[in-house]
N, C-alpha and C. Protein backbone atom coordinates (compact mmCIF):
# COMPACT_ATOMS: atom_id res chain seq x y z
N MET A 1 -4.21 -14.61 6.49
CA MET A 1 -5.62 -14.96 6.61
C MET A 1 -5.80 -16.42 6.20
N ARG A 2 -6.46 -17.18 7.05
CA ARG A 2 -6.69 -18.60 6.79
C ARG A 2 -7.85 -18.80 5.82
N LEU A 3 -8.01 -20.05 5.36
CA LEU A 3 -9.07 -20.37 4.41
C LEU A 3 -10.46 -20.12 5.00
N ASP A 4 -10.58 -20.22 6.33
CA ASP A 4 -11.88 -19.97 6.95
C ASP A 4 -12.12 -18.50 7.24
N GLY A 5 -11.20 -17.63 6.83
CA GLY A 5 -11.35 -16.20 7.00
C GLY A 5 -10.79 -15.64 8.29
N THR A 6 -10.35 -16.50 9.20
CA THR A 6 -9.75 -16.00 10.43
C THR A 6 -8.34 -15.49 10.16
N VAL A 7 -7.89 -14.57 11.01
CA VAL A 7 -6.57 -13.94 10.83
C VAL A 7 -5.62 -14.39 11.93
N GLU A 8 -4.41 -14.73 11.54
CA GLU A 8 -3.36 -15.07 12.48
C GLU A 8 -2.15 -14.19 12.19
N CYS A 9 -1.56 -13.61 13.22
CA CYS A 9 -0.41 -12.72 13.07
C CYS A 9 0.78 -13.25 13.85
N TRP A 10 1.99 -12.90 13.38
CA TRP A 10 3.20 -13.35 14.06
C TRP A 10 4.29 -12.29 13.92
N GLY A 11 5.26 -12.34 14.82
CA GLY A 11 6.34 -11.35 14.82
C GLY A 11 6.32 -10.54 16.10
N ALA A 12 6.86 -9.33 16.04
CA ALA A 12 6.90 -8.44 17.21
C ALA A 12 5.49 -8.03 17.62
N THR A 13 5.27 -7.92 18.93
CA THR A 13 3.94 -7.54 19.40
C THR A 13 4.01 -6.46 20.47
N ASP A 14 4.94 -5.53 20.30
CA ASP A 14 5.12 -4.46 21.27
C ASP A 14 3.85 -3.65 21.50
N ASP A 15 3.06 -3.48 20.47
CA ASP A 15 1.87 -2.63 20.56
C ASP A 15 0.58 -3.42 20.43
N GLY A 16 0.66 -4.74 20.60
CA GLY A 16 -0.54 -5.55 20.47
C GLY A 16 -0.96 -5.80 19.04
N GLN A 17 -0.05 -5.61 18.10
CA GLN A 17 -0.40 -5.77 16.69
C GLN A 17 -0.65 -7.21 16.28
N LEU A 18 -0.35 -8.17 17.17
CA LEU A 18 -0.62 -9.57 16.85
C LEU A 18 -1.97 -10.03 17.41
N ASN A 19 -2.62 -9.17 18.15
CA ASN A 19 -3.88 -9.54 18.80
C ASN A 19 -5.06 -9.36 17.86
N ALA A 20 -5.08 -10.14 16.81
CA ALA A 20 -6.15 -10.05 15.83
C ALA A 20 -7.49 -10.46 16.43
N SER A 21 -8.53 -9.78 16.04
CA SER A 21 -9.87 -10.10 16.52
C SER A 21 -10.32 -11.45 15.98
N SER A 22 -11.22 -12.08 16.70
CA SER A 22 -11.75 -13.36 16.25
C SER A 22 -12.79 -13.13 15.16
N GLY A 23 -13.19 -14.20 14.52
CA GLY A 23 -14.19 -14.10 13.47
C GLY A 23 -13.57 -14.04 12.10
N ALA A 24 -14.42 -13.99 11.08
CA ALA A 24 -13.97 -14.05 9.69
C ALA A 24 -13.70 -12.66 9.11
N PHE A 25 -12.67 -12.60 8.27
CA PHE A 25 -12.31 -11.39 7.53
C PHE A 25 -12.25 -11.70 6.04
N ALA A 26 -12.40 -10.65 5.23
CA ALA A 26 -12.28 -10.80 3.78
C ALA A 26 -10.90 -10.39 3.29
N ALA A 27 -10.19 -9.55 4.06
CA ALA A 27 -8.85 -9.09 3.70
C ALA A 27 -8.18 -8.55 4.94
N VAL A 28 -6.83 -8.45 4.90
CA VAL A 28 -6.07 -7.93 6.03
C VAL A 28 -4.90 -7.11 5.50
N SER A 29 -4.51 -6.07 6.24
CA SER A 29 -3.38 -5.22 5.85
C SER A 29 -2.58 -4.86 7.08
N ALA A 30 -1.27 -5.12 7.04
CA ALA A 30 -0.38 -4.77 8.16
C ALA A 30 0.23 -3.40 7.92
N GLY A 31 0.36 -2.63 9.00
CA GLY A 31 0.94 -1.30 8.90
C GLY A 31 2.45 -1.35 8.80
N GLY A 32 3.09 -0.18 8.84
CA GLY A 32 4.54 -0.07 8.68
C GLY A 32 5.28 -0.58 9.90
N SER A 33 6.61 -0.47 9.82
CA SER A 33 7.46 -1.05 10.85
C SER A 33 7.64 -0.16 12.08
N LEU A 34 7.31 1.14 11.97
CA LEU A 34 7.56 2.05 13.07
C LEU A 34 6.51 1.95 14.18
N TRP A 35 5.25 1.84 13.80
CA TRP A 35 4.17 1.69 14.77
C TRP A 35 3.40 0.44 14.41
N GLY A 36 3.36 -0.53 15.34
CA GLY A 36 2.74 -1.81 15.04
C GLY A 36 1.23 -1.78 15.09
N HIS A 37 0.58 -2.00 13.95
CA HIS A 37 -0.86 -2.05 13.90
C HIS A 37 -1.28 -2.82 12.65
N ALA A 38 -2.55 -3.23 12.62
CA ALA A 38 -3.07 -3.96 11.47
C ALA A 38 -4.55 -3.66 11.31
N ARG A 39 -5.07 -3.93 10.12
CA ARG A 39 -6.48 -3.71 9.84
C ARG A 39 -7.04 -4.95 9.16
N GLY A 40 -8.29 -5.23 9.45
CA GLY A 40 -8.98 -6.32 8.80
C GLY A 40 -10.29 -5.85 8.21
N LEU A 41 -10.63 -6.38 7.05
CA LEU A 41 -11.88 -6.03 6.38
C LEU A 41 -12.86 -7.19 6.57
N ARG A 42 -13.95 -6.92 7.27
CA ARG A 42 -14.96 -7.94 7.52
C ARG A 42 -15.77 -8.22 6.25
N PRO A 43 -16.41 -9.40 6.17
CA PRO A 43 -17.22 -9.71 4.98
C PRO A 43 -18.33 -8.70 4.71
N ASP A 44 -18.83 -8.01 5.76
CA ASP A 44 -19.88 -7.02 5.56
C ASP A 44 -19.34 -5.64 5.19
N GLY A 45 -17.99 -5.53 5.04
CA GLY A 45 -17.38 -4.27 4.64
C GLY A 45 -16.90 -3.41 5.79
N ALA A 46 -17.17 -3.81 7.02
CA ALA A 46 -16.69 -3.04 8.17
C ALA A 46 -15.18 -3.24 8.34
N VAL A 47 -14.49 -2.19 8.80
CA VAL A 47 -13.05 -2.26 9.05
C VAL A 47 -12.81 -2.34 10.55
N GLU A 48 -11.97 -3.29 10.95
CA GLU A 48 -11.60 -3.45 12.34
C GLU A 48 -10.09 -3.39 12.46
N CYS A 49 -9.59 -2.62 13.44
CA CYS A 49 -8.15 -2.39 13.59
C CYS A 49 -7.68 -2.78 14.98
N TRP A 50 -6.38 -3.11 15.08
CA TRP A 50 -5.80 -3.42 16.38
C TRP A 50 -4.32 -3.05 16.37
N GLY A 51 -3.77 -2.80 17.57
CA GLY A 51 -2.36 -2.44 17.69
C GLY A 51 -2.18 -1.01 18.15
N ALA A 52 -1.03 -0.41 17.81
CA ALA A 52 -0.69 0.95 18.24
C ALA A 52 -1.71 1.96 17.73
N ASN A 53 -1.98 2.97 18.57
CA ASN A 53 -2.97 3.97 18.20
C ASN A 53 -2.50 5.37 18.59
N ASP A 54 -1.21 5.62 18.42
CA ASP A 54 -0.63 6.91 18.82
C ASP A 54 -1.26 8.08 18.08
N ASP A 55 -1.66 7.86 16.84
CA ASP A 55 -2.20 8.95 16.03
C ASP A 55 -3.63 8.68 15.57
N GLY A 56 -4.31 7.76 16.25
CA GLY A 56 -5.67 7.44 15.85
C GLY A 56 -5.75 6.57 14.62
N GLN A 57 -4.65 5.88 14.28
CA GLN A 57 -4.62 5.10 13.05
C GLN A 57 -5.45 3.83 13.10
N ILE A 58 -5.94 3.45 14.29
CA ILE A 58 -6.83 2.28 14.33
C ILE A 58 -8.28 2.68 14.62
N ASP A 59 -8.55 3.99 14.65
CA ASP A 59 -9.91 4.47 14.89
C ASP A 59 -10.67 4.54 13.57
N ALA A 60 -11.01 3.38 13.04
CA ALA A 60 -11.67 3.30 11.74
C ALA A 60 -13.07 3.89 11.80
N PRO A 61 -13.46 4.63 10.77
CA PRO A 61 -14.82 5.17 10.73
C PRO A 61 -15.82 4.07 10.39
N SER A 62 -17.09 4.35 10.62
CA SER A 62 -18.13 3.40 10.25
C SER A 62 -18.35 3.44 8.74
N GLY A 63 -19.05 2.46 8.24
CA GLY A 63 -19.32 2.39 6.81
C GLY A 63 -18.83 1.10 6.22
N ALA A 64 -19.24 0.82 5.00
CA ALA A 64 -18.86 -0.41 4.31
C ALA A 64 -17.73 -0.12 3.34
N PHE A 65 -16.64 -0.86 3.47
CA PHE A 65 -15.46 -0.69 2.64
C PHE A 65 -15.24 -1.91 1.74
N THR A 66 -14.56 -1.69 0.63
CA THR A 66 -14.19 -2.80 -0.26
C THR A 66 -12.70 -3.10 -0.20
N ALA A 67 -11.90 -2.17 0.35
CA ALA A 67 -10.45 -2.36 0.46
C ALA A 67 -9.92 -1.45 1.55
N VAL A 68 -8.76 -1.83 2.12
CA VAL A 68 -8.13 -1.03 3.16
C VAL A 68 -6.62 -1.12 2.99
N SER A 69 -5.91 -0.02 3.25
CA SER A 69 -4.46 0.03 3.12
C SER A 69 -3.88 0.77 4.33
N ALA A 70 -2.91 0.13 5.02
CA ALA A 70 -2.35 0.70 6.24
C ALA A 70 -0.87 1.02 6.06
N GLU A 71 -0.43 2.09 6.74
CA GLU A 71 0.99 2.40 6.80
C GLU A 71 1.34 2.78 8.25
N ASN A 72 2.52 3.40 8.44
CA ASN A 72 2.98 3.67 9.79
C ASN A 72 2.01 4.51 10.62
N TRP A 73 1.57 5.64 10.07
CA TRP A 73 0.82 6.61 10.86
C TRP A 73 -0.62 6.82 10.42
N HIS A 74 -1.00 6.26 9.30
CA HIS A 74 -2.37 6.49 8.84
C HIS A 74 -2.88 5.29 8.05
N THR A 75 -4.17 5.28 7.84
CA THR A 75 -4.84 4.21 7.11
C THR A 75 -5.87 4.82 6.18
N CYS A 76 -6.09 4.20 5.03
CA CYS A 76 -7.11 4.65 4.10
C CYS A 76 -7.92 3.45 3.61
N GLY A 77 -9.20 3.69 3.36
CA GLY A 77 -10.07 2.63 2.87
C GLY A 77 -10.92 3.11 1.72
N LEU A 78 -11.30 2.16 0.88
CA LEU A 78 -12.16 2.45 -0.27
C LEU A 78 -13.59 2.04 0.07
N LEU A 79 -14.49 3.01 0.09
CA LEU A 79 -15.88 2.77 0.43
C LEU A 79 -16.65 2.19 -0.76
N LEU A 80 -17.83 1.64 -0.48
CA LEU A 80 -18.63 0.99 -1.52
C LEU A 80 -18.97 1.93 -2.67
N ASP A 81 -19.13 3.23 -2.38
CA ASP A 81 -19.48 4.18 -3.43
C ASP A 81 -18.25 4.68 -4.20
N GLY A 82 -17.07 4.14 -3.88
CA GLY A 82 -15.86 4.52 -4.60
C GLY A 82 -15.10 5.67 -3.98
N THR A 83 -15.65 6.31 -2.98
CA THR A 83 -14.93 7.39 -2.31
C THR A 83 -13.91 6.82 -1.33
N ILE A 84 -12.95 7.65 -0.94
CA ILE A 84 -11.88 7.22 -0.04
C ILE A 84 -12.02 7.92 1.30
N ALA A 85 -11.87 7.15 2.37
CA ALA A 85 -11.84 7.71 3.73
C ALA A 85 -10.50 7.35 4.35
N CYS A 86 -9.83 8.33 4.97
CA CYS A 86 -8.54 8.10 5.62
C CYS A 86 -8.61 8.57 7.07
N TRP A 87 -7.81 7.96 7.92
CA TRP A 87 -7.77 8.36 9.32
C TRP A 87 -6.38 8.14 9.89
N GLY A 88 -6.10 8.81 11.03
CA GLY A 88 -4.78 8.74 11.63
C GLY A 88 -4.07 10.08 11.54
N ASP A 89 -2.75 10.06 11.60
CA ASP A 89 -1.94 11.28 11.55
C ASP A 89 -2.16 11.99 10.21
N ASN A 90 -2.41 13.30 10.29
CA ASN A 90 -2.69 14.06 9.07
C ASN A 90 -1.60 15.08 8.76
N ASP A 91 -0.37 14.83 9.18
CA ASP A 91 0.73 15.71 8.80
C ASP A 91 0.82 15.79 7.28
N ASP A 92 0.95 16.98 6.77
CA ASP A 92 1.08 17.23 5.32
C ASP A 92 -0.17 16.85 4.55
N GLY A 93 -1.28 16.61 5.23
CA GLY A 93 -2.53 16.32 4.52
C GLY A 93 -2.64 14.92 3.97
N ARG A 94 -1.93 13.97 4.56
CA ARG A 94 -1.91 12.61 4.01
C ARG A 94 -3.26 11.90 4.14
N THR A 95 -4.14 12.38 5.04
CA THR A 95 -5.46 11.76 5.16
C THR A 95 -6.56 12.60 4.51
N ASP A 96 -6.18 13.70 3.87
CA ASP A 96 -7.17 14.57 3.21
C ASP A 96 -7.47 14.05 1.81
N ALA A 97 -8.21 12.97 1.74
CA ALA A 97 -8.53 12.36 0.45
C ALA A 97 -9.40 13.28 -0.39
N PRO A 98 -9.10 13.40 -1.69
CA PRO A 98 -9.94 14.22 -2.56
C PRO A 98 -11.26 13.52 -2.85
N GLY A 99 -12.22 14.27 -3.31
CA GLY A 99 -13.51 13.70 -3.65
C GLY A 99 -13.47 12.93 -4.96
N GLY A 100 -14.57 12.32 -5.28
CA GLY A 100 -14.66 11.56 -6.52
C GLY A 100 -14.55 10.06 -6.28
N ALA A 101 -14.76 9.30 -7.36
CA ALA A 101 -14.77 7.84 -7.27
C ALA A 101 -13.42 7.25 -7.65
N PHE A 102 -13.00 6.26 -6.90
CA PHE A 102 -11.74 5.56 -7.10
C PHE A 102 -11.97 4.05 -7.19
N VAL A 103 -10.99 3.36 -7.76
CA VAL A 103 -11.05 1.89 -7.82
C VAL A 103 -10.04 1.25 -6.89
N SER A 104 -9.05 2.02 -6.39
CA SER A 104 -8.07 1.48 -5.45
C SER A 104 -7.40 2.62 -4.70
N VAL A 105 -6.78 2.28 -3.55
CA VAL A 105 -6.07 3.26 -2.74
C VAL A 105 -4.87 2.59 -2.11
N SER A 106 -3.78 3.36 -1.93
CA SER A 106 -2.56 2.84 -1.33
C SER A 106 -1.98 3.89 -0.40
N ALA A 107 -1.79 3.53 0.88
CA ALA A 107 -1.22 4.44 1.87
C ALA A 107 0.29 4.26 1.93
N GLY A 108 1.04 5.37 1.86
CA GLY A 108 2.50 5.32 1.91
C GLY A 108 3.04 5.89 3.20
N GLY A 109 4.34 6.14 3.23
CA GLY A 109 4.98 6.62 4.45
C GLY A 109 4.44 7.95 4.93
N GLY A 110 4.33 8.94 4.05
CA GLY A 110 3.78 10.24 4.42
C GLY A 110 2.81 10.75 3.38
N HIS A 111 2.35 9.86 2.52
CA HIS A 111 1.45 10.27 1.45
C HIS A 111 0.51 9.12 1.11
N THR A 112 -0.45 9.40 0.24
CA THR A 112 -1.44 8.41 -0.18
C THR A 112 -1.70 8.59 -1.66
N CYS A 113 -1.99 7.49 -2.36
CA CYS A 113 -2.30 7.54 -3.78
C CYS A 113 -3.55 6.71 -4.07
N GLY A 114 -4.30 7.14 -5.06
CA GLY A 114 -5.48 6.39 -5.47
C GLY A 114 -5.65 6.41 -6.98
N VAL A 115 -6.21 5.34 -7.52
CA VAL A 115 -6.51 5.25 -8.96
C VAL A 115 -7.98 5.56 -9.15
N ARG A 116 -8.28 6.59 -9.93
CA ARG A 116 -9.66 6.96 -10.22
C ARG A 116 -10.30 5.98 -11.21
N THR A 117 -11.60 6.08 -11.36
CA THR A 117 -12.33 5.18 -12.26
C THR A 117 -11.91 5.35 -13.72
N ASP A 118 -11.37 6.52 -14.07
CA ASP A 118 -10.92 6.73 -15.45
C ASP A 118 -9.45 6.33 -15.65
N GLY A 119 -8.83 5.77 -14.60
CA GLY A 119 -7.45 5.31 -14.71
C GLY A 119 -6.40 6.33 -14.32
N THR A 120 -6.78 7.56 -14.12
CA THR A 120 -5.81 8.56 -13.68
C THR A 120 -5.49 8.36 -12.20
N VAL A 121 -4.31 8.81 -11.80
CA VAL A 121 -3.86 8.65 -10.42
C VAL A 121 -3.77 10.00 -9.74
N VAL A 122 -4.20 10.06 -8.50
CA VAL A 122 -4.08 11.25 -7.67
C VAL A 122 -3.34 10.87 -6.39
N CYS A 123 -2.35 11.67 -6.01
CA CYS A 123 -1.63 11.44 -4.76
C CYS A 123 -1.69 12.71 -3.91
N TRP A 124 -1.67 12.53 -2.59
CA TRP A 124 -1.72 13.68 -1.69
C TRP A 124 -0.91 13.39 -0.44
N GLY A 125 -0.48 14.47 0.23
CA GLY A 125 0.35 14.34 1.42
C GLY A 125 1.73 14.93 1.22
N SER A 126 2.71 14.43 1.94
CA SER A 126 4.07 14.93 1.89
C SER A 126 4.67 14.80 0.50
N ASN A 127 5.34 15.87 0.03
CA ASN A 127 5.87 15.85 -1.33
C ASN A 127 7.23 16.53 -1.44
N PRO A 128 8.17 16.25 -0.53
CA PRO A 128 9.47 16.93 -0.61
C PRO A 128 10.32 16.46 -1.78
N ASP A 129 10.03 15.29 -2.30
CA ASP A 129 10.84 14.72 -3.36
C ASP A 129 10.03 14.32 -4.58
N GLY A 130 8.83 14.85 -4.71
CA GLY A 130 8.01 14.58 -5.89
C GLY A 130 7.23 13.29 -5.85
N ARG A 131 7.09 12.69 -4.66
CA ARG A 131 6.40 11.39 -4.58
C ARG A 131 4.91 11.48 -4.92
N THR A 132 4.31 12.69 -4.78
CA THR A 132 2.89 12.83 -5.12
C THR A 132 2.70 13.48 -6.50
N SER A 133 3.80 13.75 -7.19
CA SER A 133 3.72 14.39 -8.52
C SER A 133 3.55 13.31 -9.59
N VAL A 134 2.34 12.85 -9.75
CA VAL A 134 2.06 11.75 -10.67
C VAL A 134 1.99 12.27 -12.10
N PRO A 135 2.63 11.57 -13.04
CA PRO A 135 2.55 11.98 -14.45
C PRO A 135 1.16 11.73 -15.01
N SER A 136 0.84 12.39 -16.10
CA SER A 136 -0.47 12.21 -16.73
C SER A 136 -0.58 10.84 -17.37
N GLY A 137 -1.78 10.50 -17.76
CA GLY A 137 -2.00 9.21 -18.40
C GLY A 137 -2.69 8.24 -17.47
N ALA A 138 -3.02 7.08 -18.01
CA ALA A 138 -3.79 6.07 -17.28
C ALA A 138 -2.89 5.04 -16.60
N PHE A 139 -3.37 4.54 -15.48
CA PHE A 139 -2.72 3.48 -14.73
C PHE A 139 -3.75 2.40 -14.38
N THR A 140 -3.28 1.18 -14.20
CA THR A 140 -4.16 0.11 -13.76
C THR A 140 -4.03 -0.14 -12.26
N SER A 141 -2.88 0.25 -11.67
CA SER A 141 -2.69 0.11 -10.23
C SER A 141 -1.60 1.06 -9.77
N ILE A 142 -1.56 1.30 -8.46
CA ILE A 142 -0.57 2.21 -7.88
C ILE A 142 -0.15 1.68 -6.52
N SER A 143 1.12 1.88 -6.17
CA SER A 143 1.62 1.49 -4.85
C SER A 143 2.42 2.65 -4.28
N ALA A 144 2.05 3.12 -3.09
CA ALA A 144 2.74 4.20 -2.42
C ALA A 144 3.77 3.62 -1.46
N GLY A 145 5.05 3.93 -1.69
CA GLY A 145 6.11 3.46 -0.81
C GLY A 145 6.37 4.46 0.30
N PHE A 146 7.53 4.35 0.93
CA PHE A 146 7.84 5.27 2.02
C PHE A 146 8.09 6.68 1.51
N ALA A 147 8.87 6.83 0.44
CA ALA A 147 9.16 8.16 -0.10
C ALA A 147 9.06 8.18 -1.63
N HIS A 148 8.42 7.18 -2.22
CA HIS A 148 8.22 7.17 -3.66
C HIS A 148 6.94 6.40 -3.97
N SER A 149 6.48 6.50 -5.20
CA SER A 149 5.28 5.81 -5.64
C SER A 149 5.54 5.19 -7.01
N CYS A 150 4.95 4.02 -7.25
CA CYS A 150 5.09 3.34 -8.53
C CYS A 150 3.72 2.89 -9.02
N GLY A 151 3.51 2.97 -10.33
CA GLY A 151 2.24 2.54 -10.91
C GLY A 151 2.45 1.76 -12.19
N VAL A 152 1.48 0.89 -12.49
CA VAL A 152 1.51 0.08 -13.70
C VAL A 152 0.60 0.73 -14.75
N ARG A 153 1.13 0.89 -15.95
CA ARG A 153 0.37 1.45 -17.07
C ARG A 153 -0.43 0.33 -17.76
N PRO A 154 -1.45 0.69 -18.55
CA PRO A 154 -2.21 -0.33 -19.28
C PRO A 154 -1.35 -1.17 -20.22
N ASP A 155 -0.22 -0.63 -20.69
CA ASP A 155 0.66 -1.41 -21.57
C ASP A 155 1.63 -2.29 -20.80
N GLY A 156 1.55 -2.29 -19.46
CA GLY A 156 2.41 -3.13 -18.65
C GLY A 156 3.69 -2.46 -18.18
N SER A 157 3.98 -1.28 -18.65
CA SER A 157 5.17 -0.57 -18.19
C SER A 157 4.93 0.01 -16.80
N VAL A 158 6.00 0.26 -16.05
CA VAL A 158 5.91 0.81 -14.71
C VAL A 158 6.55 2.19 -14.67
N THR A 159 5.87 3.12 -14.03
CA THR A 159 6.37 4.48 -13.83
C THR A 159 6.47 4.76 -12.34
N CYS A 160 7.60 5.27 -11.89
CA CYS A 160 7.80 5.62 -10.48
C CYS A 160 8.15 7.10 -10.36
N ARG A 161 7.77 7.71 -9.25
CA ARG A 161 8.08 9.10 -8.95
C ARG A 161 8.45 9.22 -7.47
N GLY A 162 9.32 10.18 -7.16
CA GLY A 162 9.70 10.43 -5.78
C GLY A 162 11.17 10.19 -5.54
N SER A 163 11.52 9.87 -4.32
CA SER A 163 12.91 9.66 -3.95
C SER A 163 13.55 8.57 -4.81
N ASN A 164 14.79 8.82 -5.22
CA ASN A 164 15.52 7.84 -6.03
C ASN A 164 16.94 7.68 -5.52
N ASP A 165 17.12 7.92 -4.20
CA ASP A 165 18.46 7.86 -3.62
C ASP A 165 19.04 6.45 -3.63
N ARG A 166 18.18 5.46 -3.75
CA ARG A 166 18.64 4.06 -3.82
C ARG A 166 18.22 3.41 -5.13
N ALA A 167 17.89 4.23 -6.12
CA ALA A 167 17.45 3.76 -7.44
C ALA A 167 16.09 3.07 -7.38
N GLN A 168 15.30 3.35 -6.32
CA GLN A 168 14.00 2.72 -6.18
C GLN A 168 12.97 3.23 -7.18
N SER A 169 13.26 4.36 -7.83
CA SER A 169 12.34 4.89 -8.84
C SER A 169 12.86 4.69 -10.26
N SER A 170 14.01 4.03 -10.40
CA SER A 170 14.60 3.76 -11.72
C SER A 170 14.04 2.45 -12.25
N THR A 171 12.87 2.53 -12.85
CA THR A 171 12.15 1.33 -13.27
C THR A 171 12.84 0.64 -14.44
N PRO A 172 12.88 -0.70 -14.42
CA PRO A 172 13.45 -1.46 -15.52
C PRO A 172 12.42 -1.61 -16.64
N PRO A 173 12.86 -1.92 -17.85
CA PRO A 173 11.90 -2.20 -18.92
C PRO A 173 11.22 -3.54 -18.64
N GLY A 174 10.10 -3.77 -19.29
CA GLY A 174 9.41 -5.04 -19.11
C GLY A 174 7.91 -4.86 -19.06
N ASN A 175 7.22 -5.98 -19.07
CA ASN A 175 5.76 -6.00 -19.04
C ASN A 175 5.32 -6.53 -17.68
N PHE A 176 4.68 -5.69 -16.88
CA PHE A 176 4.31 -6.05 -15.51
C PHE A 176 2.80 -6.03 -15.33
N THR A 177 2.34 -6.84 -14.39
CA THR A 177 0.92 -6.87 -14.05
C THR A 177 0.65 -6.23 -12.70
N ALA A 178 1.68 -6.06 -11.87
CA ALA A 178 1.53 -5.45 -10.56
C ALA A 178 2.87 -4.90 -10.10
N VAL A 179 2.82 -3.93 -9.18
CA VAL A 179 4.04 -3.34 -8.62
C VAL A 179 3.81 -3.05 -7.15
N THR A 180 4.86 -3.16 -6.35
CA THR A 180 4.78 -2.87 -4.94
C THR A 180 6.00 -2.06 -4.52
N ALA A 181 5.80 -0.99 -3.77
CA ALA A 181 6.88 -0.08 -3.37
C ALA A 181 6.99 -0.06 -1.85
N ALA A 182 8.22 0.08 -1.36
CA ALA A 182 8.45 0.14 0.09
C ALA A 182 9.54 1.16 0.37
N ASP A 183 10.33 0.93 1.41
CA ASP A 183 11.36 1.87 1.82
C ASP A 183 12.66 1.61 1.06
N GLY A 184 12.89 2.36 -0.01
CA GLY A 184 14.14 2.25 -0.75
C GLY A 184 14.19 1.17 -1.80
N GLN A 185 13.09 0.48 -2.03
CA GLN A 185 13.09 -0.57 -3.04
C GLN A 185 11.69 -0.76 -3.62
N SER A 186 11.65 -1.41 -4.78
CA SER A 186 10.39 -1.69 -5.47
C SER A 186 10.51 -3.05 -6.12
N CYS A 187 9.37 -3.71 -6.31
CA CYS A 187 9.33 -4.99 -7.02
C CYS A 187 8.12 -5.01 -7.94
N GLY A 188 8.27 -5.65 -9.09
CA GLY A 188 7.18 -5.79 -10.03
C GLY A 188 6.96 -7.24 -10.39
N LEU A 189 5.70 -7.59 -10.61
CA LEU A 189 5.34 -8.94 -11.03
C LEU A 189 5.19 -8.97 -12.54
N GLY A 190 6.05 -9.76 -13.20
CA GLY A 190 6.03 -9.83 -14.65
C GLY A 190 4.83 -10.59 -15.17
N ALA A 191 4.51 -10.38 -16.44
CA ALA A 191 3.37 -11.06 -17.06
C ALA A 191 3.56 -12.57 -17.06
N ASP A 192 4.81 -13.03 -17.01
CA ASP A 192 5.09 -14.46 -16.99
C ASP A 192 5.20 -15.02 -15.57
N GLY A 193 4.89 -14.20 -14.56
CA GLY A 193 4.95 -14.65 -13.18
C GLY A 193 6.28 -14.43 -12.51
N SER A 194 7.27 -13.97 -13.26
CA SER A 194 8.57 -13.70 -12.66
C SER A 194 8.53 -12.39 -11.88
N VAL A 195 9.48 -12.21 -10.96
CA VAL A 195 9.55 -11.00 -10.15
C VAL A 195 10.86 -10.27 -10.42
N ALA A 196 10.77 -8.96 -10.65
CA ALA A 196 11.94 -8.11 -10.82
C ALA A 196 11.93 -7.05 -9.74
N CYS A 197 13.06 -6.81 -9.09
CA CYS A 197 13.15 -5.79 -8.04
C CYS A 197 14.25 -4.79 -8.38
N TRP A 198 14.09 -3.57 -7.92
CA TRP A 198 15.08 -2.53 -8.13
C TRP A 198 15.14 -1.64 -6.90
N GLY A 199 16.26 -0.98 -6.72
CA GLY A 199 16.48 -0.18 -5.53
C GLY A 199 17.36 -0.93 -4.55
N ARG A 200 17.45 -0.42 -3.35
CA ARG A 200 18.29 -1.03 -2.34
C ARG A 200 17.69 -0.85 -0.96
N GLY A 201 17.42 -1.94 -0.27
CA GLY A 201 16.89 -1.90 1.07
C GLY A 201 17.99 -1.93 2.11
N PRO A 202 17.63 -2.03 3.39
CA PRO A 202 18.63 -2.06 4.47
C PRO A 202 19.62 -3.22 4.34
N TYR A 203 19.19 -4.29 3.66
CA TYR A 203 20.05 -5.47 3.57
C TYR A 203 20.54 -5.73 2.15
N GLY A 204 20.55 -4.69 1.33
CA GLY A 204 21.10 -4.83 0.00
C GLY A 204 20.04 -4.84 -1.09
N ILE A 205 20.46 -5.21 -2.28
CA ILE A 205 19.58 -5.24 -3.43
C ILE A 205 18.71 -6.50 -3.37
N PRO A 206 17.40 -6.37 -3.55
CA PRO A 206 16.53 -7.54 -3.49
C PRO A 206 16.90 -8.56 -4.57
N SER A 207 16.87 -9.82 -4.21
CA SER A 207 17.19 -10.90 -5.14
C SER A 207 16.06 -11.93 -5.11
N PRO A 208 15.02 -11.73 -5.90
CA PRO A 208 13.88 -12.66 -5.89
C PRO A 208 14.27 -14.02 -6.45
N PRO A 209 13.68 -15.09 -5.93
CA PRO A 209 13.96 -16.43 -6.44
C PRO A 209 13.37 -16.61 -7.84
N PRO A 210 13.93 -17.52 -8.63
CA PRO A 210 13.48 -17.70 -10.02
C PRO A 210 12.25 -18.58 -10.15
N PHE A 211 11.17 -18.20 -9.51
CA PHE A 211 9.94 -18.98 -9.60
C PHE A 211 8.84 -18.13 -10.22
N ALA A 212 7.71 -18.76 -10.52
CA ALA A 212 6.54 -18.04 -11.02
C ALA A 212 5.62 -17.73 -9.85
N PHE A 213 5.17 -16.49 -9.76
CA PHE A 213 4.33 -16.04 -8.66
C PHE A 213 3.02 -15.47 -9.19
N ALA A 214 2.01 -15.46 -8.31
CA ALA A 214 0.71 -14.86 -8.64
C ALA A 214 0.53 -13.51 -7.97
N LEU A 215 1.24 -13.29 -6.82
CA LEU A 215 1.15 -12.05 -6.06
C LEU A 215 2.52 -11.69 -5.52
N ILE A 216 2.74 -10.40 -5.25
CA ILE A 216 4.00 -9.95 -4.67
C ILE A 216 3.71 -8.81 -3.70
N SER A 217 4.40 -8.79 -2.57
CA SER A 217 4.27 -7.72 -1.59
C SER A 217 5.64 -7.47 -0.97
N ILE A 218 6.01 -6.21 -0.82
CA ILE A 218 7.32 -5.86 -0.31
C ILE A 218 7.18 -5.07 0.99
N GLY A 219 8.01 -5.39 1.99
CA GLY A 219 8.00 -4.69 3.26
C GLY A 219 9.20 -3.78 3.39
N SER A 220 9.49 -3.35 4.62
CA SER A 220 10.59 -2.41 4.83
C SER A 220 11.95 -3.02 4.47
N ASP A 221 12.15 -4.30 4.77
CA ASP A 221 13.44 -4.91 4.49
C ASP A 221 13.31 -6.36 4.04
N TYR A 222 12.20 -6.70 3.44
CA TYR A 222 12.00 -8.05 2.92
C TYR A 222 10.90 -8.01 1.86
N SER A 223 10.78 -9.11 1.11
CA SER A 223 9.75 -9.21 0.08
C SER A 223 9.11 -10.59 0.14
């Protein structure tokens, strides 16, 4: 997203996922690698989507949203009243958002997670490996990966649940301000701006550069 709010996309465009709409946006989220699609959040809270629509994942409902999160087959957004609306493929109930007020939402490979206003986390959808089995206690943020989920605690520690076949849920010690989960790997942003990654992606163990960062985002095979 440019400084003037317009969106520019690059990369593969098999499904028209680079054909971003004109005009200003407040935020943008790209979907997973299997089905090319993207979502943009307009300044008035409306969600606009483009790209592949095999499962209705770009058929955004009306209403004003404050955040949007996209994955391969489904998308979820946080409405102004704190409730969550999801659309797209509903295998295993991944779009069946529970009621109540939330402060954030994250769409994963076959599941979705949200942080409630009291700091507790709720996850729903596919759960063959415990990815939606969130431990008790408070979290400040949550990230749903392809087959695992990771969250940051108020004390800065990170807790992950779900698949651990590549050590993507084996969290290191440390004080983190944010965490991002993807397919087989996870990365956390340290309080000092450093980045730590764990797990193993298609191209090996992530090796972040030794710089200070303000934000971190991890994809299927890159960060």
